Each structure stands twice: as structure tokens, then as C-alpha cells.
């Protein structure tokens, strides 16, 4: 079975004009444009001999010619992460992507940005865009040090999760604390290497505790 590039629900599909002028008596075999509204409320234009054919072409994904987005999704001021997960039809088994979406797309602006940036909707595209956005946020829109310190004083697990944009639990925090990790060290490490994963931050803290000079 061919893997779908667009694996999302279709809300509406409307047949439009013919792609080319048809010869007399050949209308049943002529290609038509179709307008498809997807689960993100974007309008696409595609082509097909009939509705089923047009859906098959749509599922093959954007090609910037016959199949493309002609109207972007409207901004949704109350869009929640669960709403987005449902719109993208992400299964409960894809728990890693669900968790990543919860922590990376942690504001309504970020969730709407995700919708405006994604084109074809499938597991691979969702994962790649999500982590591209994560890297951009870590480098250019990092949680401020002041806000991080405030959160750390109340809930260090939540603070570290938001600071590293990773889903962390209390066990990961205990490892960090046991290695001598503090909010000051987290700030120092992230200022030197914004994309540093939390596991590497723990390893660096452990090395410093043993008197080993860090390699970065």
C-alpha cells in the first residue's frame, strides 16, 4: 500500500470547473478541479476525474501545481494542544509526538504557527516540523532566565521541562540534583549551547562534580 503524504480527514470537497475544454461527449472523462477543506480548515485545490480520484490525488500531497493550499487556516485564539492533536488525527500510540507537542507548542501562538507552517500532514512531517520549531525556539525565543528562576523555585521539574523543551519527570530531576545540578548551572549550560539536551546537561554536571573539565 502506498504511504499517504496527506493523512488527514476531509471536511468538504466540491467539484469545480474542468481543467481543459472538453470535446463533445467526453465530459465524463474530463479532469476537474476540486476544492477540498481539510481537518485544519485549510482549502486545497486539486484535480481528478471524480471525487474518489481527486481524494487520491490529494492524499499524494502538495506539488505546488495541481495540488496546493489556496486558503490558509484561520487563526484560532482558543486552540488547545488537544484540539490540534485531534485535528491532526494523532493516535494514542504516538505518545512521543503527543508529549512533544504538549511541551514545545506550549502557547496558542505556537500552535497556530505550527498549523500555518505545516503542508502535508503525516507522522514524519509532523515530527520534523515540530523539532525544527523546537530548535528555533531554543535559539531565538528561549524562556527567559528570570522566568525560569521563578518557575524553578516553585516546580523545578516543570521549569526544566519548559527551559529545555523536553518532557521531563521527577526521576530526571533527581538525577540532575544528584549530579549537583542547579538553576544557575542550567542557565550557564544553555547560554553556551542553546540546543543542549537535558541528558547532556546532567552528564556535564556529573563531570564537573568529579572534577572533569567539560569538552564543550
C-alpha atoms as a PDB file:
ATOM      1  CA  UNK A   1       0.000   0.000   0.000  1.00  0.00           C
ATOM      2  CA  UNK A   2       1.296   3.441  -0.940  1.00  0.00           C
ATOM      3  CA  UNK A   3       2.028   5.618   2.071  1.00  0.00           C
ATOM      4  CA  UNK A   4      -0.158   8.709   2.130  1.00  0.00           C
ATOM      5  CA  UNK A   5       1.580  12.084   2.162  1.00  0.00           C
ATOM      6  CA  UNK A   6      -1.656  13.700   3.333  1.00  0.00           C
ATOM      7  CA  UNK A   7      -3.149  11.544   6.054  1.00  0.00           C
ATOM      8  CA  UNK A   8      -5.906  13.738   7.415  1.00  0.00           C
ATOM      9  CA  UNK A   9      -9.672  13.984   7.445  1.00  0.00           C
ATOM     10  CA  UNK A  10     -11.507  15.843   4.687  1.00  0.00           C
ATOM     11  CA  UNK A  11     -14.305  18.105   5.885  1.00  0.00           C
ATOM     12  CA  UNK A  12     -15.672  19.096   2.484  1.00  0.00           C
ATOM     13  CA  UNK A  13     -14.989  18.548  -1.218  1.00  0.00           C
ATOM     14  CA  UNK A  14     -16.525  20.490  -4.120  1.00  0.00           C
ATOM     15  CA  UNK A  15     -16.125  19.878  -7.851  1.00  0.00           C
ATOM     16  CA  UNK A  16     -15.135  22.998  -9.763  1.00  0.00           C
ATOM     17  CA  UNK A  17     -14.590  23.774 -13.446  1.00  0.00           C
ATOM     18  CA  UNK A  18     -12.897  21.478 -15.921  1.00  0.00           C
ATOM     19  CA  UNK A  19      -9.126  21.656 -16.202  1.00  0.00           C
ATOM     20  CA  UNK A  20      -9.261  21.755 -20.006  1.00  0.00           C
ATOM     21  CA  UNK A  21     -12.007  22.357 -22.502  1.00  0.00           C
ATOM     22  CA  UNK A  22     -13.702  19.051 -23.207  1.00  0.00           C
ATOM     23  CA  UNK A  23     -14.629  17.597 -26.516  1.00  0.00           C
ATOM     24  CA  UNK A  24     -18.283  16.972 -27.157  1.00  0.00           C
ATOM     25  CA  UNK A  25     -19.470  13.792 -25.475  1.00  0.00           C
ATOM     26  CA  UNK A  26     -16.287  13.367 -23.427  1.00  0.00           C
ATOM     27  CA  UNK A  27     -17.332  15.212 -20.273  1.00  0.00           C
ATOM     28  CA  UNK A  28     -17.396  12.059 -18.119  1.00  0.00           C
ATOM     29  CA  UNK A  29     -13.678  11.540 -18.766  1.00  0.00           C
ATOM     30  CA  UNK A  30     -12.556  15.103 -18.250  1.00  0.00           C
ATOM     31  CA  UNK A  31     -10.385  16.266 -15.362  1.00  0.00           C
ATOM     32  CA  UNK A  32     -11.984  18.734 -12.990  1.00  0.00           C
ATOM     33  CA  UNK A  33     -10.545  20.967 -10.335  1.00  0.00           C
ATOM     34  CA  UNK A  34     -11.715  20.100  -6.831  1.00  0.00           C
ATOM     35  CA  UNK A  35     -11.642  22.232  -3.715  1.00  0.00           C
ATOM     36  CA  UNK A  36     -11.001  20.284  -0.523  1.00  0.00           C
ATOM     37  CA  UNK A  37     -11.309  21.609   3.031  1.00  0.00           C
ATOM     38  CA  UNK A  38      -9.054  19.610   5.326  1.00  0.00           C
ATOM     39  CA  UNK A  39      -9.216  18.930   9.060  1.00  0.00           C
ATOM     40  CA  UNK A  40      -7.135  22.062   9.776  1.00  0.00           C
ATOM     41  CA  UNK A  41      -9.724  24.162   7.910  1.00  0.00           C
ATOM     42  CA  UNK A  42      -7.365  24.910   5.037  1.00  0.00           C
ATOM     43  CA  UNK A  43      -8.715  24.936   1.488  1.00  0.00           C
ATOM     44  CA  UNK A  44      -6.796  22.985  -1.140  1.00  0.00           C
ATOM     45  CA  UNK A  45      -7.132  22.837  -4.899  1.00  0.00           C
ATOM     46  CA  UNK A  46      -6.536  19.511  -6.578  1.00  0.00           C
ATOM     47  CA  UNK A  47      -7.716  17.632  -9.679  1.00  0.00           C
ATOM     48  CA  UNK A  48      -9.461  14.393 -10.506  1.00  0.00           C
ATOM     49  CA  UNK A  49     -11.756  12.553 -12.860  1.00  0.00           C
ATOM     50  CA  UNK A  50     -14.233  12.167  -9.985  1.00  0.00           C
ATOM     51  CA  UNK A  51     -14.428  12.660  -6.224  1.00  0.00           C
ATOM     52  CA  UNK A  52     -12.554   9.448  -5.384  1.00  0.00           C
ATOM     53  CA  UNK A  53      -9.826  10.270  -7.876  1.00  0.00           C
ATOM     54  CA  UNK A  54      -9.477  13.816  -6.509  1.00  0.00           C
ATOM     55  CA  UNK A  55      -9.136  12.469  -2.955  1.00  0.00           C
ATOM     56  CA  UNK A  56      -6.445  10.029  -4.107  1.00  0.00           C
ATOM     57  CA  UNK A  57      -4.519  12.884  -5.743  1.00  0.00           C
ATOM     58  CA  UNK A  58      -4.892  14.991  -2.584  1.00  0.00           C
ATOM     59  CA  UNK A  59      -3.532  12.140  -0.462  1.00  0.00           C
ATOM     60  CA  UNK A  60      -0.372  12.101  -2.596  1.00  0.00           C
ATOM     61  CA  UNK A  61       0.434  15.545  -1.184  1.00  0.00           C
ATOM     62  CA  UNK A  62       1.314  19.044  -2.271  1.00  0.00           C
ATOM     63  CA  UNK A  63       3.107  19.507  -5.599  1.00  0.00           C
ATOM     64  CA  UNK A  64       2.830  23.332  -5.885  1.00  0.00           C
ATOM     65  CA  UNK A  65       0.925  22.913  -9.140  1.00  0.00           C
ATOM     66  CA  UNK A  66      -2.150  20.708  -9.290  1.00  0.00           C
ATOM     67  CA  UNK A  67      -2.392  20.103  -5.559  1.00  0.00           C
ATOM     68  CA  UNK A  68      -1.765  23.064  -3.307  1.00  0.00           C
ATOM     69  CA  UNK A  69      -3.204  25.137  -0.466  1.00  0.00           C
ATOM     70  CA  UNK A  70      -5.224  28.085  -1.784  1.00  0.00           C
ATOM     71  CA  UNK A  71      -6.585  29.351   1.554  1.00  0.00           C
ATOM     72  CA  UNK A  72      -4.637  29.014   4.832  1.00  0.00           C
ATOM     73  CA  UNK A  73      -6.256  28.011   8.096  1.00  0.00           C
ATOM     74  CA  UNK A  74      -7.812  30.859  10.098  1.00  0.00           C
ATOM     75  CA  UNK A  75      -6.155  31.861  13.359  1.00  0.00           C
ATOM     76  CA  UNK A  76      -7.817  30.095  16.291  1.00  0.00           C
ATOM     77  CA  UNK A  77      -7.484  32.166  19.500  1.00  0.00           C
ATOM     78  CA  UNK A  78      -8.640  29.290  21.723  1.00  0.00           C
ATOM     79  CA  UNK A  79      -6.746  26.437  20.040  1.00  0.00           C
ATOM     80  CA  UNK A  80      -5.608  23.878  22.626  1.00  0.00           C
ATOM     81  CA  UNK A  81      -2.990  21.163  22.240  1.00  0.00           C
ATOM     82  CA  UNK A  82      -5.703  18.502  22.450  1.00  0.00           C
ATOM     83  CA  UNK A  83      -7.615  20.273  19.688  1.00  0.00           C
ATOM     84  CA  UNK A  84      -4.520  20.214  17.496  1.00  0.00           C
ATOM     85  CA  UNK A  85      -3.809  16.556  18.262  1.00  0.00           C
ATOM     86  CA  UNK A  86      -7.371  15.660  17.268  1.00  0.00           C
ATOM     87  CA  UNK A  87      -7.243  17.767  14.105  1.00  0.00           C
ATOM     88  CA  UNK A  88      -4.031  16.017  13.071  1.00  0.00           C
ATOM     89  CA  UNK A  89      -5.525  12.607  13.961  1.00  0.00           C
ATOM     90  CA  UNK A  90      -2.516  11.622  16.080  1.00  0.00           C
ATOM     91  CA  UNK A  91      -3.197   8.241  17.628  1.00  0.00           C
ATOM     92  CA  UNK A  92      -2.742   7.491  21.354  1.00  0.00           C
ATOM     93  CA  UNK A  93       0.053   5.091  20.373  1.00  0.00           C
ATOM     94  CA  UNK A  94       2.077   8.065  19.066  1.00  0.00           C
ATOM     95  CA  UNK A  95       2.650   9.201  22.627  1.00  0.00           C
ATOM     96  CA  UNK A  96       6.096  10.669  21.966  1.00  0.00           C
ATOM     97  CA  UNK A  97       4.736  13.148  19.421  1.00  0.00           C
ATOM     98  CA  UNK A  98       1.808  13.921  21.727  1.00  0.00           C
ATOM     99  CA  UNK A  99       4.179  14.664  24.604  1.00  0.00           C
ATOM    100  CA  UNK A 100       6.464  16.734  22.370  1.00  0.00           C
ATOM    101  CA  UNK A 101       3.522  18.798  21.151  1.00  0.00           C
ATOM    102  CA  UNK A 102       2.418  19.472  24.727  1.00  0.00           C
ATOM    103  CA  UNK A 103       5.810  20.858  25.757  1.00  0.00           C
ATOM    104  CA  UNK A 104       7.018  22.503  22.517  1.00  0.00           C
ATOM    105  CA  UNK A 105       3.741  24.060  21.375  1.00  0.00           C
ATOM    106  CA  UNK A 106       3.005  25.456  24.821  1.00  0.00           C
ATOM    107  CA  UNK A 107       1.223  28.652  23.725  1.00  0.00           C
ATOM    108  CA  UNK A 108      -1.732  29.272  21.438  1.00  0.00           C
ATOM    109  CA  UNK A 109       0.537  31.358  19.190  1.00  0.00           C
ATOM    110  CA  UNK A 110       2.925  28.444  18.742  1.00  0.00           C
ATOM    111  CA  UNK A 111       0.084  26.057  17.965  1.00  0.00           C
ATOM    112  CA  UNK A 112      -1.294  28.389  15.310  1.00  0.00           C
ATOM    113  CA  UNK A 113       2.210  28.857  13.888  1.00  0.00           C
ATOM    114  CA  UNK A 114       2.505  25.092  13.575  1.00  0.00           C
ATOM    115  CA  UNK A 115      -0.712  24.965  11.532  1.00  0.00           C
ATOM    116  CA  UNK A 116       0.448  27.820   9.312  1.00  0.00           C
ATOM    117  CA  UNK A 117       3.810  26.115   8.624  1.00  0.00           C
ATOM    118  CA  UNK A 118       2.843  22.503   8.011  1.00  0.00           C
ATOM    119  CA  UNK A 119       1.826  21.491   4.486  1.00  0.00           C
ATOM    120  CA  UNK A 120       1.437  17.732   4.077  1.00  0.00           C
ATOM    121  CA  UNK A 121       0.123  16.113   7.243  1.00  0.00           C
ATOM    122  CA  UNK A 122       1.695  12.782   8.158  1.00  0.00           C
ATOM    123  CA  UNK A 123       3.752  11.415  11.025  1.00  0.00           C
ATOM    124  CA  UNK A 124       7.138  12.248   9.518  1.00  0.00           C
ATOM    125  CA  UNK A 125       6.209  15.815   8.509  1.00  0.00           C
ATOM    126  CA  UNK A 126       4.673  16.468  11.907  1.00  0.00           C
ATOM    127  CA  UNK A 127       7.780  15.216  13.725  1.00  0.00           C
ATOM    128  CA  UNK A 128      10.240  17.141  11.525  1.00  0.00           C
ATOM    129  CA  UNK A 129       8.368  20.454  11.761  1.00  0.00           C
ATOM    130  CA  UNK A 130       7.852  20.063  15.495  1.00  0.00           C
ATOM    131  CA  UNK A 131      11.570  19.631  16.154  1.00  0.00           C
ATOM    132  CA  UNK A 132      12.550  22.340  13.688  1.00  0.00           C
ATOM    133  CA  UNK A 133      10.334  24.716  15.657  1.00  0.00           C
ATOM    134  CA  UNK A 134      11.841  23.446  18.920  1.00  0.00           C
ATOM    135  CA  UNK A 135      15.352  24.310  17.741  1.00  0.00           C
ATOM    136  CA  UNK A 136      14.225  27.767  16.610  1.00  0.00           C
ATOM    137  CA  UNK A 137      12.555  28.476  19.960  1.00  0.00           C
ATOM    138  CA  UNK A 138      15.583  27.293  21.926  1.00  0.00           C
ATOM    139  CA  UNK A 139      17.887  29.543  19.917  1.00  0.00           C
ATOM    140  CA  UNK A 140      15.733  32.623  19.425  1.00  0.00           C
ATOM    141  CA  UNK A 141      12.753  32.501  21.782  1.00  0.00           C
ATOM    142  CA  UNK A 142      14.097  30.809  24.893  1.00  0.00           C
ATOM    143  CA  UNK A 143      12.199  31.007  28.187  1.00  0.00           C
ATOM    144  CA  UNK A 144      13.760  33.996  29.921  1.00  0.00           C
ATOM    145  CA  UNK A 145      16.282  33.320  32.688  1.00  0.00           C
ATOM    146  CA  UNK A 146      14.206  35.385  35.108  1.00  0.00           C
ATOM    147  CA  UNK A 147      11.035  33.430  34.391  1.00  0.00           C
ATOM    148  CA  UNK A 148      12.970  30.165  34.566  1.00  0.00           C
ATOM    149  CA  UNK A 149      14.308  31.025  38.035  1.00  0.00           C
ATOM    150  CA  UNK A 150      10.808  31.926  39.219  1.00  0.00           C
ATOM    151  CA  UNK A 151       9.391  28.628  37.967  1.00  0.00           C
ATOM    152  CA  UNK A 152      12.343  26.655  39.336  1.00  0.00           C
ATOM    153  CA  UNK A 153      11.640  27.927  42.848  1.00  0.00           C
ATOM    154  CA  UNK A 154       8.061  26.625  42.646  1.00  0.00           C
ATOM    155  CA  UNK A 155       8.368  23.486  40.490  1.00  0.00           C
ATOM    156  CA  UNK A 156      11.848  22.597  39.195  1.00  0.00           C
ATOM    157  CA  UNK A 157      10.584  19.697  37.045  1.00  0.00           C
ATOM    158  CA  UNK A 158       8.162  21.937  35.160  1.00  0.00           C
ATOM    159  CA  UNK A 159      10.766  24.706  34.935  1.00  0.00           C
ATOM    160  CA  UNK A 160      13.409  22.417  33.435  1.00  0.00           C
ATOM    161  CA  UNK A 161      10.860  20.944  31.008  1.00  0.00           C
ATOM    162  CA  UNK A 162       9.966  24.399  29.718  1.00  0.00           C
ATOM    163  CA  UNK A 163      13.590  25.565  29.665  1.00  0.00           C
ATOM    164  CA  UNK A 164      14.857  22.551  27.689  1.00  0.00           C
ATOM    165  CA  UNK A 165      11.543  21.986  25.829  1.00  0.00           C
ATOM    166  CA  UNK A 166      11.647  18.327  26.816  1.00  0.00           C
ATOM    167  CA  UNK A 167       9.131  16.207  28.679  1.00  0.00           C
ATOM    168  CA  UNK A 168      10.920  15.513  31.967  1.00  0.00           C
ATOM    169  CA  UNK A 169       9.787  13.675  35.081  1.00  0.00           C
ATOM    170  CA  UNK A 170      10.795  13.717  38.736  1.00  0.00           C
ATOM    171  CA  UNK A 171      13.322  10.899  38.188  1.00  0.00           C
ATOM    172  CA  UNK A 172      15.191  13.012  35.631  1.00  0.00           C
ATOM    173  CA  UNK A 173      15.188  15.877  38.130  1.00  0.00           C
ATOM    174  CA  UNK A 174      16.568  13.627  40.882  1.00  0.00           C
ATOM    175  CA  UNK A 175      19.421  12.646  38.552  1.00  0.00           C
ATOM    176  CA  UNK A 176      20.061  16.336  37.841  1.00  0.00           C
ATOM    177  CA  UNK A 177      20.003  17.209  41.540  1.00  0.00           C
ATOM    178  CA  UNK A 178      22.249  14.260  42.445  1.00  0.00           C
ATOM    179  CA  UNK A 179      24.775  15.484  39.853  1.00  0.00           C
ATOM    180  CA  UNK A 180      24.873  18.877  41.541  1.00  0.00           C
ATOM    181  CA  UNK A 181      22.563  20.499  39.037  1.00  0.00           C
ATOM    182  CA  UNK A 182      21.127  23.903  39.894  1.00  0.00           C
ATOM    183  CA  UNK A 183      19.198  26.571  38.020  1.00  0.00           C
ATOM    184  CA  UNK A 184      22.437  28.565  37.772  1.00  0.00           C
ATOM    185  CA  UNK A 185      24.146  25.662  36.014  1.00  0.00           C
ATOM    186  CA  UNK A 186      21.190  25.175  33.680  1.00  0.00           C
ATOM    187  CA  UNK A 187      21.362  28.843  32.684  1.00  0.00           C
ATOM    188  CA  UNK A 188      25.121  28.653  32.169  1.00  0.00           C
ATOM    189  CA  UNK A 189      24.931  25.495  30.055  1.00  0.00           C
ATOM    190  CA  UNK A 190      22.096  26.791  27.883  1.00  0.00           C
ATOM    191  CA  UNK A 191      23.821  30.127  27.317  1.00  0.00           C
ATOM    192  CA  UNK A 192      26.844  28.250  25.972  1.00  0.00           C
ATOM    193  CA  UNK A 193      24.875  25.670  23.992  1.00  0.00           C
ATOM    194  CA  UNK A 194      21.172  26.528  23.468  1.00  0.00           C
ATOM    195  CA  UNK A 195      20.330  23.149  21.863  1.00  0.00           C
ATOM    196  CA  UNK A 196      21.906  21.138  24.702  1.00  0.00           C
ATOM    197  CA  UNK A 197      19.684  18.113  25.572  1.00  0.00           C
ATOM    198  CA  UNK A 198      18.909  17.678  29.253  1.00  0.00           C
ATOM    199  CA  UNK A 199      20.684  14.318  29.437  1.00  0.00           C
ATOM    200  CA  UNK A 200      23.905  16.034  28.318  1.00  0.00           C
ATOM    201  CA  UNK A 201      23.379  18.730  30.935  1.00  0.00           C
ATOM    202  CA  UNK A 202      23.236  16.003  33.587  1.00  0.00           C
ATOM    203  CA  UNK A 203      26.402  14.399  32.194  1.00  0.00           C
ATOM    204  CA  UNK A 204      28.225  17.733  32.249  1.00  0.00           C
ATOM    205  CA  UNK A 205      27.163  18.360  35.863  1.00  0.00           C
ATOM    206  CA  UNK A 206      28.379  14.872  36.804  1.00  0.00           C
ATOM    207  CA  UNK A 207      31.725  15.503  35.106  1.00  0.00           C
ATOM    208  CA  UNK A 208      32.136  18.805  36.942  1.00  0.00           C
ATOM    209  CA  UNK A 209      31.288  17.103  40.230  1.00  0.00           C
ATOM    210  CA  UNK A 210      34.126  14.638  39.554  1.00  0.00           C
ATOM    211  CA  UNK A 211      36.486  17.437  38.591  1.00  0.00           C
ATOM    212  CA  UNK A 212      36.442  16.599  34.887  1.00  0.00           C
ATOM    213  CA  UNK A 213      36.683  19.593  32.539  1.00  0.00           C
ATOM    214  CA  UNK A 214      33.797  19.755  30.080  1.00  0.00           C
ATOM    215  CA  UNK A 215      34.580  19.231  26.426  1.00  0.00           C
ATOM    216  CA  UNK A 216      32.305  21.962  25.120  1.00  0.00           C
END
